[in-house]
Amino acid sequence: MADKKGNQGDTSNRGFASMDDEKQREIARKGGEEVSKNREHMAEIGKKGGEEVSKNREHMAEIGKKGGESSGGNRGNNKSR
């Protein structure tokens, strides 16, 4: 069957996409390991993610509600002091 360019299924044996799945995973894993060694870079990624998540006020309210429920809802009302 011909593709849009008229090729008859001939695929290049070059490039990332032509590699088998296991080889792709191996390369991706090595890249992830290298990136995670740079603590400043990882901190910056985390900070950006936190900023994005905190823009969603509904999501943040839900997190706060769950936190209050797990603490028993007694924040500031500890009578044992």
C-alpha atoms as a PDB file:
ATOM      1  CA  MET A   1       0.000   0.000   0.000  1.00  0.00           C
ATOM      2  CA  ALA A   2       1.374   3.409  -0.930  1.00  0.00           C
ATOM      3  CA  ASP A   3       1.653   6.242   1.576  1.00  0.00           C
ATOM      4  CA  LYS A   4       0.914   9.918   0.885  1.00  0.00           C
ATOM      5  CA  LYS A   5       4.260  10.331  -0.845  1.00  0.00           C
ATOM      6  CA  GLY A   6       3.721   7.305  -3.060  1.00  0.00           C
ATOM      7  CA  ASN A   7       6.239   5.090  -1.258  1.00  0.00           C
ATOM      8  CA  GLN A   8       5.463   1.405  -1.169  1.00  0.00           C
ATOM      9  CA  GLY A   9       6.123   0.860   2.539  1.00  0.00           C
ATOM     10  CA  ASP A  10       9.871   1.404   2.298  1.00  0.00           C
ATOM     11  CA  THR A  11      10.891   2.794   5.654  1.00  0.00           C
ATOM     12  CA  SER A  12      14.165   4.362   6.561  1.00  0.00           C
ATOM     13  CA  ASN A  13      16.359   2.352   8.860  1.00  0.00           C
ATOM     14  CA  ARG A  14      17.651   5.582  10.371  1.00  0.00           C
ATOM     15  CA  GLY A  15      16.435   7.645  13.289  1.00  0.00           C
ATOM     16  CA  PHE A  16      14.735   7.208  16.618  1.00  0.00           C
ATOM     17  CA  ALA A  17      11.336   6.253  15.180  1.00  0.00           C
ATOM     18  CA  SER A  18      12.813   3.324  13.264  1.00  0.00           C
ATOM     19  CA  MET A  19      14.284   1.750  16.416  1.00  0.00           C
ATOM     20  CA  ASP A  20      12.526  -1.050  18.229  1.00  0.00           C
ATOM     21  CA  ASP A  21      10.544  -0.107  21.343  1.00  0.00           C
ATOM     22  CA  GLU A  22      13.109  -1.477  23.805  1.00  0.00           C
ATOM     23  CA  LYS A  23      15.946   0.536  22.257  1.00  0.00           C
ATOM     24  CA  GLN A  24      13.799   3.696  22.382  1.00  0.00           C
ATOM     25  CA  ARG A  25      13.030   3.077  26.074  1.00  0.00           C
ATOM     26  CA  GLU A  26      16.710   2.530  26.847  1.00  0.00           C
ATOM     27  CA  ILE A  27      17.687   5.846  25.240  1.00  0.00           C
ATOM     28  CA  ALA A  28      14.832   7.720  26.926  1.00  0.00           C
ATOM     29  CA  ARG A  29      15.734   6.229  30.308  1.00  0.00           C
ATOM     30  CA  LYS A  30      19.356   7.351  29.966  1.00  0.00           C
ATOM     31  CA  GLY A  31      18.209  10.863  29.074  1.00  0.00           C
ATOM     32  CA  GLY A  32      15.945  11.003  32.098  1.00  0.00           C
ATOM     33  CA  GLU A  33      18.749   9.838  34.372  1.00  0.00           C
ATOM     34  CA  GLU A  34      21.082  12.549  33.066  1.00  0.00           C
ATOM     35  CA  VAL A  35      18.509  15.312  33.463  1.00  0.00           C
ATOM     36  CA  SER A  36      17.625  14.244  36.992  1.00  0.00           C
ATOM     37  CA  LYS A  37      21.289  14.564  38.078  1.00  0.00           C
ATOM     38  CA  ASN A  38      21.017  18.341  37.689  1.00  0.00           C
ATOM     39  CA  ARG A  39      19.266  19.308  40.930  1.00  0.00           C
ATOM     40  CA  GLU A  40      18.868  22.980  39.991  1.00  0.00           C
ATOM     41  CA  HIS A  41      17.166  22.002  36.744  1.00  0.00           C
ATOM     42  CA  MET A  42      14.842  19.582  38.526  1.00  0.00           C
ATOM     43  CA  ALA A  43      13.973  22.213  41.136  1.00  0.00           C
ATOM     44  CA  GLU A  44      13.085  24.661  38.365  1.00  0.00           C
ATOM     45  CA  ILE A  45      10.843  22.056  36.708  1.00  0.00           C
ATOM     46  CA  GLY A  46       9.109  21.400  40.037  1.00  0.00           C
ATOM     47  CA  LYS A  47       8.640  25.101  40.673  1.00  0.00           C
ATOM     48  CA  LYS A  48       7.050  25.630  37.252  1.00  0.00           C
ATOM     49  CA  GLY A  49       4.763  22.654  37.792  1.00  0.00           C
ATOM     50  CA  GLY A  50       3.719  23.957  41.199  1.00  0.00           C
ATOM     51  CA  GLU A  51       2.972  27.377  39.760  1.00  0.00           C
ATOM     52  CA  GLU A  52       0.781  25.856  37.035  1.00  0.00           C
ATOM     53  CA  VAL A  53      -1.129  23.653  39.461  1.00  0.00           C
ATOM     54  CA  SER A  54      -1.699  26.493  41.913  1.00  0.00           C
ATOM     55  CA  LYS A  55      -3.397  28.535  39.173  1.00  0.00           C
ATOM     56  CA  ASN A  56      -6.282  26.070  39.341  1.00  0.00           C
ATOM     57  CA  ARG A  57      -8.129  27.436  42.372  1.00  0.00           C
ATOM     58  CA  GLU A  58     -10.732  24.666  42.367  1.00  0.00           C
ATOM     59  CA  HIS A  59      -8.007  22.014  42.467  1.00  0.00           C
ATOM     60  CA  MET A  60      -6.179  23.823  45.286  1.00  0.00           C
ATOM     61  CA  ALA A  61      -9.409  24.127  47.286  1.00  0.00           C
ATOM     62  CA  GLU A  62      -9.946  20.378  46.921  1.00  0.00           C
ATOM     63  CA  ILE A  63      -6.409  19.694  48.167  1.00  0.00           C
ATOM     64  CA  GLY A  64      -6.989  21.953  51.169  1.00  0.00           C
ATOM     65  CA  LYS A  65     -10.285  20.262  51.951  1.00  0.00           C
ATOM     66  CA  LYS A  66      -8.683  16.815  51.877  1.00  0.00           C
ATOM     67  CA  GLY A  67      -5.872  18.040  54.122  1.00  0.00           C
ATOM     68  CA  GLY A  68      -8.375  19.336  56.639  1.00  0.00           C
ATOM     69  CA  GLU A  69     -10.309  16.081  56.582  1.00  0.00           C
ATOM     70  CA  SER A  70      -7.207  13.959  57.139  1.00  0.00           C
ATOM     71  CA  SER A  71      -6.167  16.045  60.139  1.00  0.00           C
ATOM     72  CA  GLY A  72      -9.574  15.527  61.709  1.00  0.00           C
ATOM     73  CA  GLY A  73     -10.585  19.112  61.099  1.00  0.00           C
ATOM     74  CA  ASN A  74      -9.087  20.154  64.453  1.00  0.00           C
ATOM     75  CA  ARG A  75      -6.508  22.647  63.227  1.00  0.00           C
ATOM     76  CA  GLY A  76      -5.830  25.141  65.960  1.00  0.00           C
ATOM     77  CA  ASN A  77      -8.238  23.445  68.367  1.00  0.00           C
ATOM     78  CA  ASN A  78      -5.856  21.167  70.200  1.00  0.00           C
ATOM     79  CA  LYS A  79      -7.171  21.206  73.803  1.00  0.00           C
ATOM     80  CA  SER A  80      -4.291  19.171  75.214  1.00  0.00           C
ATOM     81  CA  ARG A  81      -1.941  22.177  75.414  1.00  0.00           C
END
